[in-house]
């Protein structure tokens, strides 16, 4: 059962799936539907919205569940650390991380002259018209950029090959009840 919260102040949000930035008004009732990846998905009388972690204090009485943040326990850079950071990113409508959804197509790591690293990721979306793509990609980029010695992180959205449900990992299929 979803719990109702009242916004105690105006709150920045993103319309799902359009990806448009909006402001939800103080006093508006919202129902939390998902709290994965450090962000919150809410339903209101006018639709579905994503509220970023830094704006969750606007939800009177709401406490964001404590999740292990992939970048806080990492002391050394590694490819595994990048994959773990990507596993902390979620589509706001689907309770499966972007790796297990099969959205990440390529990960390239390169050393820099100063001893750091650049990271480039190619990912797709479940639907070409999804306006949340830039929001999800930026969430992934920020989490990668927070890793030790990452000097540059880029996440590119690509459409080839086109995503299909068969790309979901066994773990993701289990979460979604597909197996």
N, C-alpha and C. Protein backbone atom coordinates (compact mmCIF):
# COMPACT_ATOMS: atom_id res chain seq x y z
N UNK A 1 0.84 -1.18 0.00
CA UNK A 1 0.00 0.00 0.00
C UNK A 1 0.89 1.25 0.00
N UNK A 2 0.57 2.18 -0.87
CA UNK A 2 1.34 3.42 -0.94
C UNK A 2 0.89 4.36 0.17
N UNK A 3 1.86 5.04 0.76
CA UNK A 3 1.56 5.99 1.83
C UNK A 3 1.50 7.41 1.25
N UNK A 4 0.54 8.17 1.75
CA UNK A 4 0.38 9.56 1.32
C UNK A 4 1.28 10.48 2.14
N UNK A 5 1.91 11.41 1.44
CA UNK A 5 2.71 12.47 2.08
C UNK A 5 2.23 13.80 1.52
N UNK A 6 2.40 14.84 2.30
CA UNK A 6 2.04 16.20 1.87
C UNK A 6 3.33 16.98 1.69
N UNK A 7 3.44 17.69 0.58
CA UNK A 7 4.63 18.51 0.34
C UNK A 7 4.61 19.71 1.28
N UNK A 8 5.69 19.89 2.05
CA UNK A 8 5.76 21.01 3.00
C UNK A 8 6.35 22.27 2.37
N UNK A 9 6.74 22.18 1.12
CA UNK A 9 7.25 23.32 0.36
C UNK A 9 7.16 22.98 -1.11
N UNK A 10 7.33 23.98 -1.98
CA UNK A 10 7.41 23.70 -3.40
C UNK A 10 8.59 22.77 -3.63
N UNK A 11 8.46 21.88 -4.61
CA UNK A 11 9.47 20.84 -4.80
C UNK A 11 9.76 20.62 -6.28
N UNK A 12 11.03 20.68 -6.63
CA UNK A 12 11.44 20.38 -8.01
C UNK A 12 11.20 18.90 -8.27
N UNK A 13 10.72 18.59 -9.47
CA UNK A 13 10.44 17.21 -9.85
C UNK A 13 10.60 17.07 -11.36
N UNK A 14 10.59 15.83 -11.81
CA UNK A 14 10.66 15.54 -13.24
C UNK A 14 9.45 14.70 -13.61
N UNK A 15 8.73 15.10 -14.66
CA UNK A 15 7.57 14.37 -15.13
C UNK A 15 8.03 13.05 -15.74
N UNK A 16 7.40 11.96 -15.35
CA UNK A 16 7.68 10.64 -15.89
C UNK A 16 6.55 10.27 -16.83
N UNK A 17 6.78 9.84 -18.05
CA UNK A 17 8.06 9.59 -18.70
C UNK A 17 8.57 10.74 -19.56
N UNK A 18 7.89 11.87 -19.56
CA UNK A 18 8.25 12.97 -20.47
C UNK A 18 9.63 13.55 -20.21
N UNK A 19 10.07 13.55 -18.93
CA UNK A 19 11.39 14.09 -18.60
C UNK A 19 11.41 15.59 -18.41
N UNK A 20 10.26 16.24 -18.37
CA UNK A 20 10.20 17.69 -18.21
C UNK A 20 10.35 18.08 -16.74
N UNK A 21 11.12 19.13 -16.48
CA UNK A 21 11.27 19.65 -15.13
C UNK A 21 10.03 20.45 -14.76
N UNK A 22 9.51 20.21 -13.57
CA UNK A 22 8.32 20.93 -13.08
C UNK A 22 8.52 21.23 -11.59
N UNK A 23 7.60 21.99 -11.05
CA UNK A 23 7.58 22.25 -9.61
C UNK A 23 6.25 21.75 -9.07
N UNK A 24 6.33 20.82 -8.11
CA UNK A 24 5.14 20.38 -7.40
C UNK A 24 4.89 21.39 -6.29
N UNK A 25 3.65 21.70 -6.04
CA UNK A 25 3.29 22.79 -5.14
C UNK A 25 3.18 22.34 -3.68
N UNK A 26 3.61 23.22 -2.78
CA UNK A 26 3.46 22.99 -1.34
C UNK A 26 2.00 22.69 -1.04
N UNK A 27 1.76 21.72 -0.16
CA UNK A 27 0.41 21.32 0.21
C UNK A 27 -0.15 20.20 -0.64
N UNK A 28 0.50 19.89 -1.77
CA UNK A 28 0.01 18.83 -2.64
C UNK A 28 0.25 17.46 -2.02
N UNK A 29 -0.72 16.55 -2.18
CA UNK A 29 -0.59 15.18 -1.70
C UNK A 29 0.14 14.35 -2.75
N UNK A 30 1.08 13.53 -2.28
CA UNK A 30 1.82 12.63 -3.17
C UNK A 30 1.84 11.24 -2.52
N UNK A 31 1.93 10.23 -3.37
CA UNK A 31 2.04 8.85 -2.90
C UNK A 31 3.37 8.30 -3.40
N UNK A 32 4.23 7.85 -2.50
CA UNK A 32 5.54 7.30 -2.87
C UNK A 32 5.33 5.91 -3.47
N UNK A 33 5.84 5.71 -4.69
CA UNK A 33 5.71 4.42 -5.36
C UNK A 33 7.02 3.67 -5.47
N UNK A 34 8.17 4.38 -5.41
CA UNK A 34 9.48 3.73 -5.52
C UNK A 34 10.53 4.61 -4.87
N UNK A 35 11.49 3.97 -4.18
CA UNK A 35 12.56 4.72 -3.52
C UNK A 35 13.92 4.10 -3.82
N UNK A 36 14.13 3.64 -5.02
CA UNK A 36 15.38 2.97 -5.37
C UNK A 36 16.39 3.94 -5.97
N UNK A 37 17.67 3.69 -5.70
CA UNK A 37 18.73 4.49 -6.29
C UNK A 37 18.90 5.86 -5.67
N UNK A 38 18.26 6.10 -4.53
CA UNK A 38 18.42 7.37 -3.85
C UNK A 38 17.46 8.45 -4.29
N UNK A 39 16.60 8.16 -5.26
CA UNK A 39 15.59 9.10 -5.71
C UNK A 39 14.22 8.53 -5.37
N UNK A 40 13.19 9.35 -5.49
CA UNK A 40 11.85 8.91 -5.12
C UNK A 40 10.90 9.12 -6.30
N UNK A 41 10.09 8.12 -6.57
CA UNK A 41 9.04 8.24 -7.56
C UNK A 41 7.73 8.43 -6.81
N UNK A 42 6.98 9.45 -7.19
CA UNK A 42 5.70 9.73 -6.54
C UNK A 42 4.58 9.82 -7.57
N UNK A 43 3.39 9.47 -7.13
CA UNK A 43 2.18 9.64 -7.94
C UNK A 43 1.36 10.74 -7.30
N UNK A 44 0.85 11.62 -8.13
CA UNK A 44 -0.05 12.68 -7.68
C UNK A 44 -1.34 12.57 -8.49
N UNK A 45 -2.27 13.45 -8.23
CA UNK A 45 -3.51 13.47 -9.01
C UNK A 45 -3.24 13.76 -10.47
N UNK A 46 -2.09 14.40 -10.77
CA UNK A 46 -1.79 14.76 -12.16
C UNK A 46 -0.75 13.86 -12.82
N UNK A 47 -0.29 12.80 -12.16
CA UNK A 47 0.63 11.88 -12.83
C UNK A 47 1.77 11.39 -11.96
N UNK A 48 2.80 10.88 -12.65
CA UNK A 48 3.96 10.28 -12.01
C UNK A 48 5.14 11.24 -12.12
N UNK A 49 5.93 11.35 -11.02
CA UNK A 49 7.05 12.29 -10.98
C UNK A 49 8.24 11.66 -10.26
N UNK A 50 9.44 12.10 -10.63
CA UNK A 50 10.67 11.70 -9.94
C UNK A 50 11.13 12.90 -9.13
N UNK A 51 11.42 12.65 -7.86
CA UNK A 51 11.98 13.67 -6.98
C UNK A 51 13.40 13.25 -6.64
N UNK A 52 14.36 14.12 -6.89
CA UNK A 52 15.77 13.81 -6.61
C UNK A 52 16.01 13.77 -5.11
N UNK A 53 17.03 13.00 -4.72
CA UNK A 53 17.39 12.83 -3.31
C UNK A 53 17.43 14.15 -2.55
N UNK A 54 18.06 15.15 -3.14
CA UNK A 54 18.24 16.43 -2.42
C UNK A 54 16.93 17.17 -2.18
N UNK A 55 15.86 16.79 -2.89
CA UNK A 55 14.57 17.45 -2.71
C UNK A 55 13.59 16.65 -1.85
N UNK A 56 13.98 15.47 -1.38
CA UNK A 56 13.06 14.65 -0.59
C UNK A 56 12.65 15.27 0.75
N UNK A 57 13.41 16.21 1.34
CA UNK A 57 12.91 16.84 2.57
C UNK A 57 11.57 17.57 2.38
N UNK A 58 11.18 17.83 1.15
CA UNK A 58 9.88 18.46 0.90
C UNK A 58 8.71 17.53 1.23
N UNK A 59 8.99 16.24 1.36
CA UNK A 59 7.94 15.27 1.70
C UNK A 59 7.81 15.20 3.21
N UNK A 60 6.84 15.91 3.77
CA UNK A 60 6.67 16.00 5.22
C UNK A 60 6.51 14.61 5.83
N UNK A 61 7.41 14.27 6.77
CA UNK A 61 7.34 13.00 7.47
C UNK A 61 7.99 11.84 6.75
N UNK A 62 8.54 12.07 5.57
CA UNK A 62 9.16 11.00 4.79
C UNK A 62 10.64 10.91 5.11
N UNK A 63 11.13 9.70 5.25
CA UNK A 63 12.56 9.46 5.41
C UNK A 63 12.99 8.53 4.30
N UNK A 64 13.96 8.96 3.53
CA UNK A 64 14.48 8.14 2.44
C UNK A 64 15.17 6.92 3.03
N UNK A 65 14.80 5.72 2.60
CA UNK A 65 15.46 4.52 3.12
C UNK A 65 16.97 4.59 2.89
N UNK A 66 17.72 4.09 3.84
CA UNK A 66 19.17 4.08 3.72
C UNK A 66 19.56 2.94 2.80
N UNK A 67 20.20 3.30 1.70
CA UNK A 67 20.71 2.30 0.75
C UNK A 67 22.22 2.45 0.72
N UNK A 68 22.92 1.34 0.56
CA UNK A 68 24.35 1.50 0.38
C UNK A 68 24.60 2.25 -0.93
N UNK A 69 25.30 3.34 -0.85
CA UNK A 69 25.64 4.11 -2.05
C UNK A 69 26.94 3.53 -2.59
N UNK A 70 26.90 3.11 -3.83
CA UNK A 70 28.01 2.37 -4.42
C UNK A 70 29.34 3.11 -4.30
N UNK A 71 29.32 4.42 -4.30
CA UNK A 71 30.57 5.16 -4.35
C UNK A 71 31.14 5.49 -2.98
N UNK A 72 30.40 5.25 -1.90
CA UNK A 72 30.88 5.67 -0.59
C UNK A 72 31.87 4.71 0.03
N UNK A 73 31.81 3.43 -0.31
CA UNK A 73 32.71 2.46 0.29
C UNK A 73 33.90 2.10 -0.60
N UNK A 74 33.95 2.67 -1.78
CA UNK A 74 35.01 2.35 -2.73
C UNK A 74 36.25 3.18 -2.42
N UNK A 75 37.39 2.51 -2.23
CA UNK A 75 38.63 3.24 -1.97
C UNK A 75 39.57 3.20 -3.17
N UNK A 76 39.41 2.21 -4.03
CA UNK A 76 40.25 2.09 -5.22
C UNK A 76 39.37 2.01 -6.46
N UNK A 77 39.83 2.63 -7.52
CA UNK A 77 39.10 2.58 -8.78
C UNK A 77 39.24 1.20 -9.40
N UNK A 78 38.15 0.69 -9.95
CA UNK A 78 38.18 -0.57 -10.69
C UNK A 78 36.98 -0.63 -11.62
N UNK A 79 37.04 -1.52 -12.59
CA UNK A 79 35.89 -1.73 -13.46
C UNK A 79 34.70 -2.23 -12.64
N UNK A 80 34.97 -3.08 -11.66
CA UNK A 80 33.90 -3.60 -10.81
C UNK A 80 33.21 -2.46 -10.06
N UNK A 81 33.97 -1.46 -9.62
CA UNK A 81 33.39 -0.32 -8.92
C UNK A 81 32.47 0.48 -9.85
N UNK A 82 32.85 0.60 -11.11
CA UNK A 82 32.00 1.31 -12.07
C UNK A 82 30.70 0.55 -12.28
N UNK A 83 30.80 -0.77 -12.45
CA UNK A 83 29.59 -1.58 -12.61
C UNK A 83 28.69 -1.47 -11.38
N UNK A 84 29.28 -1.45 -10.20
CA UNK A 84 28.50 -1.32 -8.97
C UNK A 84 27.80 0.04 -8.92
N UNK A 85 28.49 1.09 -9.34
CA UNK A 85 27.86 2.42 -9.41
C UNK A 85 26.67 2.40 -10.37
N UNK A 86 26.83 1.75 -11.51
CA UNK A 86 25.74 1.66 -12.48
C UNK A 86 24.56 0.86 -11.93
N UNK A 87 24.86 -0.13 -11.10
CA UNK A 87 23.77 -0.94 -10.50
C UNK A 87 22.97 -0.14 -9.46
N UNK A 88 23.45 1.04 -9.10
CA UNK A 88 22.70 1.88 -8.16
C UNK A 88 21.80 2.88 -8.89
N UNK A 89 21.67 2.74 -10.20
CA UNK A 89 20.84 3.62 -11.02
C UNK A 89 19.59 2.87 -11.48
N UNK A 90 18.45 3.54 -11.39
CA UNK A 90 17.17 2.89 -11.70
C UNK A 90 16.32 3.76 -12.60
N UNK A 91 15.57 3.11 -13.47
CA UNK A 91 14.49 3.77 -14.17
C UNK A 91 13.43 4.04 -13.11
N UNK A 92 12.87 5.25 -13.04
CA UNK A 92 11.93 5.56 -11.96
C UNK A 92 10.61 4.79 -12.03
N UNK A 93 10.37 4.09 -13.11
CA UNK A 93 9.13 3.31 -13.23
C UNK A 93 9.34 1.82 -13.03
N UNK A 94 10.60 1.38 -13.02
CA UNK A 94 10.89 -0.06 -13.00
C UNK A 94 11.82 -0.36 -11.83
N UNK A 95 11.48 -1.32 -10.98
CA UNK A 95 12.29 -1.60 -9.79
C UNK A 95 13.50 -2.50 -10.05
N UNK A 96 14.15 -2.30 -11.20
CA UNK A 96 15.34 -3.07 -11.55
C UNK A 96 16.40 -2.08 -12.01
N UNK A 97 17.65 -2.27 -11.57
CA UNK A 97 18.72 -1.34 -11.95
C UNK A 97 19.01 -1.42 -13.44
N UNK A 98 19.67 -0.39 -13.96
CA UNK A 98 19.89 -0.28 -15.40
C UNK A 98 20.80 -1.38 -15.94
N UNK A 99 21.67 -1.95 -15.12
CA UNK A 99 22.52 -3.05 -15.58
C UNK A 99 21.67 -4.30 -15.77
N UNK A 100 20.90 -4.66 -14.75
CA UNK A 100 20.07 -5.87 -14.84
C UNK A 100 18.92 -5.72 -15.83
N UNK A 101 18.53 -4.48 -16.14
CA UNK A 101 17.53 -4.28 -17.19
C UNK A 101 18.13 -4.51 -18.58
N UNK A 102 19.45 -4.57 -18.64
CA UNK A 102 20.11 -4.77 -19.93
C UNK A 102 20.27 -3.49 -20.72
N UNK A 103 20.25 -2.35 -20.03
CA UNK A 103 20.34 -1.05 -20.71
C UNK A 103 21.77 -0.62 -20.98
N UNK A 104 22.75 -1.16 -20.25
CA UNK A 104 24.14 -0.76 -20.44
C UNK A 104 24.77 -1.66 -21.48
N UNK A 105 25.20 -1.06 -22.60
CA UNK A 105 25.75 -1.81 -23.71
C UNK A 105 27.26 -1.86 -23.72
N UNK A 106 27.91 -0.81 -23.23
CA UNK A 106 29.37 -0.77 -23.33
C UNK A 106 29.93 0.09 -22.21
N UNK A 107 31.09 -0.33 -21.71
CA UNK A 107 31.80 0.40 -20.67
C UNK A 107 33.26 0.45 -21.09
N UNK A 108 33.80 1.66 -21.24
CA UNK A 108 35.20 1.83 -21.64
C UNK A 108 35.92 2.66 -20.58
N UNK A 109 37.04 2.14 -20.11
CA UNK A 109 37.87 2.82 -19.11
C UNK A 109 39.20 3.16 -19.76
N UNK A 110 39.68 4.37 -19.50
CA UNK A 110 40.98 4.78 -20.05
C UNK A 110 41.76 5.51 -18.97
N UNK A 111 43.05 5.20 -18.84
CA UNK A 111 43.87 5.95 -17.89
C UNK A 111 44.18 7.34 -18.44
N UNK A 112 44.36 8.30 -17.56
CA UNK A 112 44.73 9.65 -17.98
C UNK A 112 46.22 9.86 -17.69
N UNK A 113 46.79 10.89 -18.25
CA UNK A 113 48.21 11.20 -18.06
C UNK A 113 48.53 11.49 -16.59
N UNK A 114 47.54 11.99 -15.86
CA UNK A 114 47.77 12.34 -14.46
C UNK A 114 47.53 11.18 -13.49
N UNK A 115 47.24 10.00 -14.03
CA UNK A 115 47.04 8.84 -13.18
C UNK A 115 45.59 8.56 -12.83
N UNK A 116 44.69 9.36 -13.35
CA UNK A 116 43.26 9.15 -13.11
C UNK A 116 42.65 8.28 -14.19
N UNK A 117 41.35 8.41 -14.32
CA UNK A 117 40.63 7.58 -15.30
C UNK A 117 39.51 8.37 -15.96
N UNK A 118 39.26 8.02 -17.21
CA UNK A 118 38.06 8.48 -17.89
C UNK A 118 37.17 7.26 -18.08
N UNK A 119 35.87 7.48 -17.98
CA UNK A 119 34.91 6.40 -18.13
C UNK A 119 33.87 6.84 -19.14
N UNK A 120 33.62 5.97 -20.12
CA UNK A 120 32.56 6.22 -21.09
C UNK A 120 31.62 5.03 -21.10
N UNK A 121 30.34 5.32 -21.03
CA UNK A 121 29.32 4.30 -21.01
C UNK A 121 28.37 4.54 -22.18
N UNK A 122 27.97 3.46 -22.83
CA UNK A 122 26.91 3.53 -23.83
C UNK A 122 25.74 2.75 -23.25
N UNK A 123 24.61 3.42 -23.21
CA UNK A 123 23.40 2.78 -22.69
C UNK A 123 22.22 3.12 -23.56
N UNK A 124 21.16 2.37 -23.41
CA UNK A 124 19.93 2.62 -24.14
C UNK A 124 18.79 2.77 -23.16
N UNK A 125 17.59 2.85 -23.66
CA UNK A 125 16.39 2.95 -22.83
C UNK A 125 15.41 1.87 -23.29
N UNK A 126 14.42 1.60 -22.47
CA UNK A 126 13.44 0.58 -22.83
C UNK A 126 12.55 1.03 -23.98
N UNK A 127 12.43 2.34 -24.18
CA UNK A 127 11.60 2.87 -25.26
C UNK A 127 12.26 4.12 -25.84
N UNK A 128 12.36 4.22 -27.17
CA UNK A 128 13.01 5.38 -27.78
C UNK A 128 12.39 6.73 -27.43
N UNK A 129 11.12 6.80 -27.15
CA UNK A 129 10.48 8.08 -26.85
C UNK A 129 10.54 8.49 -25.39
N UNK A 130 11.25 7.73 -24.56
CA UNK A 130 11.28 8.02 -23.13
C UNK A 130 12.06 9.30 -22.85
N UNK A 131 11.40 10.29 -22.30
CA UNK A 131 12.05 11.55 -21.97
C UNK A 131 12.93 11.48 -20.74
N UNK A 132 12.88 10.38 -20.00
CA UNK A 132 13.69 10.23 -18.78
C UNK A 132 15.13 9.84 -19.10
N UNK A 133 15.43 9.55 -20.36
CA UNK A 133 16.78 9.13 -20.74
C UNK A 133 17.87 10.05 -20.23
N UNK A 134 17.80 11.35 -20.49
CA UNK A 134 18.84 12.24 -19.99
C UNK A 134 18.94 12.26 -18.46
N UNK A 135 17.82 12.10 -17.78
CA UNK A 135 17.81 12.09 -16.31
C UNK A 135 18.53 10.84 -15.79
N UNK A 136 18.20 9.69 -16.37
CA UNK A 136 18.83 8.43 -15.97
C UNK A 136 20.31 8.45 -16.30
N UNK A 137 20.66 8.93 -17.49
CA UNK A 137 22.07 9.00 -17.91
C UNK A 137 22.86 9.93 -16.99
N UNK A 138 22.28 11.05 -16.60
CA UNK A 138 22.98 11.99 -15.71
C UNK A 138 23.15 11.39 -14.31
N UNK A 139 22.17 10.65 -13.84
CA UNK A 139 22.29 9.95 -12.55
C UNK A 139 23.47 8.98 -12.61
N UNK A 140 23.56 8.21 -13.69
CA UNK A 140 24.68 7.28 -13.87
C UNK A 140 26.01 8.02 -13.94
N UNK A 141 26.04 9.10 -14.71
CA UNK A 141 27.28 9.86 -14.85
C UNK A 141 27.76 10.40 -13.50
N UNK A 142 26.84 10.95 -12.72
CA UNK A 142 27.21 11.50 -11.41
C UNK A 142 27.75 10.42 -10.48
N UNK A 143 27.14 9.26 -10.49
CA UNK A 143 27.59 8.18 -9.61
C UNK A 143 28.96 7.65 -10.04
N UNK A 144 29.22 7.59 -11.33
CA UNK A 144 30.54 7.18 -11.81
C UNK A 144 31.57 8.26 -11.48
N UNK A 145 31.22 9.51 -11.71
CA UNK A 145 32.15 10.62 -11.46
C UNK A 145 32.56 10.71 -10.00
N UNK A 146 31.73 10.21 -9.10
CA UNK A 146 32.04 10.25 -7.67
C UNK A 146 33.04 9.16 -7.24
N UNK A 147 33.37 8.25 -8.13
CA UNK A 147 34.33 7.20 -7.80
C UNK A 147 35.74 7.78 -7.69
N UNK A 148 36.59 7.18 -6.86
CA UNK A 148 37.96 7.68 -6.73
C UNK A 148 38.70 7.69 -8.06
N UNK A 149 39.42 8.72 -8.31
CA UNK A 149 40.31 8.96 -9.46
C UNK A 149 39.61 9.07 -10.81
N UNK A 150 38.29 9.20 -10.83
CA UNK A 150 37.59 9.43 -12.09
C UNK A 150 37.69 10.92 -12.40
N UNK A 151 38.35 11.23 -13.51
CA UNK A 151 38.51 12.63 -13.93
C UNK A 151 37.43 13.05 -14.91
N UNK A 152 36.88 12.09 -15.63
CA UNK A 152 35.84 12.40 -16.61
C UNK A 152 34.92 11.18 -16.74
N UNK A 153 33.63 11.44 -16.73
CA UNK A 153 32.65 10.38 -16.93
C UNK A 153 31.62 10.87 -17.94
N UNK A 154 31.36 10.05 -18.93
CA UNK A 154 30.36 10.39 -19.93
C UNK A 154 29.44 9.19 -20.12
N UNK A 155 28.17 9.47 -20.25
CA UNK A 155 27.18 8.42 -20.51
C UNK A 155 26.42 8.84 -21.77
N UNK A 156 26.52 8.00 -22.78
CA UNK A 156 25.89 8.28 -24.07
C UNK A 156 24.67 7.37 -24.24
N UNK A 157 23.58 7.94 -24.71
CA UNK A 157 22.40 7.14 -25.02
C UNK A 157 22.48 6.74 -26.48
N UNK A 158 22.37 5.43 -26.73
CA UNK A 158 22.42 4.88 -28.09
C UNK A 158 21.16 4.05 -28.33
N UNK A 159 20.88 3.81 -29.60
CA UNK A 159 19.66 3.08 -29.95
C UNK A 159 19.93 1.81 -30.73
N UNK A 160 21.20 1.47 -30.89
CA UNK A 160 21.54 0.28 -31.66
C UNK A 160 22.46 -0.61 -30.83
N UNK A 161 22.06 -1.81 -30.52
CA UNK A 161 20.80 -2.43 -30.93
C UNK A 161 19.63 -1.92 -30.10
N UNK A 162 18.44 -2.09 -30.65
CA UNK A 162 17.24 -1.69 -29.93
C UNK A 162 17.06 -2.62 -28.73
N UNK A 163 16.68 -2.07 -27.59
CA UNK A 163 16.47 -2.86 -26.39
C UNK A 163 15.27 -3.78 -26.57
N UNK A 164 15.35 -4.96 -25.96
CA UNK A 164 14.25 -5.92 -25.96
C UNK A 164 14.20 -6.57 -24.58
N UNK A 165 13.05 -7.02 -24.14
CA UNK A 165 12.93 -7.64 -22.82
C UNK A 165 13.87 -8.83 -22.60
N UNK A 166 14.29 -9.47 -23.67
CA UNK A 166 15.21 -10.60 -23.54
C UNK A 166 16.57 -10.18 -23.00
N UNK A 167 16.85 -8.89 -22.99
CA UNK A 167 18.13 -8.37 -22.49
C UNK A 167 18.16 -8.27 -20.97
N UNK A 168 17.02 -8.44 -20.32
CA UNK A 168 16.96 -8.38 -18.86
C UNK A 168 17.70 -9.59 -18.29
N UNK A 169 18.53 -9.36 -17.29
CA UNK A 169 19.30 -10.44 -16.66
C UNK A 169 18.36 -11.39 -15.91
N UNK A 170 18.84 -12.58 -15.58
CA UNK A 170 18.03 -13.49 -14.76
C UNK A 170 17.60 -12.86 -13.44
N UNK A 171 18.51 -12.10 -12.80
CA UNK A 171 18.16 -11.43 -11.54
C UNK A 171 17.03 -10.41 -11.76
N UNK A 172 17.13 -9.64 -12.83
CA UNK A 172 16.10 -8.66 -13.16
C UNK A 172 14.77 -9.32 -13.48
N UNK A 173 14.82 -10.43 -14.21
CA UNK A 173 13.61 -11.16 -14.56
C UNK A 173 12.90 -11.68 -13.31
N UNK A 174 13.71 -12.10 -12.34
CA UNK A 174 13.14 -12.61 -11.09
C UNK A 174 12.42 -11.48 -10.33
N UNK A 175 13.07 -10.31 -10.25
CA UNK A 175 12.46 -9.16 -9.56
C UNK A 175 11.14 -8.77 -10.21
N UNK A 176 11.11 -8.83 -11.53
CA UNK A 176 9.91 -8.45 -12.28
C UNK A 176 8.85 -9.56 -12.34
N UNK A 177 9.19 -10.73 -11.79
CA UNK A 177 8.25 -11.85 -11.81
C UNK A 177 8.11 -12.50 -13.17
N UNK A 178 9.15 -12.37 -14.00
CA UNK A 178 9.10 -12.95 -15.35
C UNK A 178 9.63 -14.38 -15.38
N UNK A 179 10.15 -14.85 -14.25
CA UNK A 179 10.65 -16.24 -14.17
C UNK A 179 10.14 -16.89 -12.94
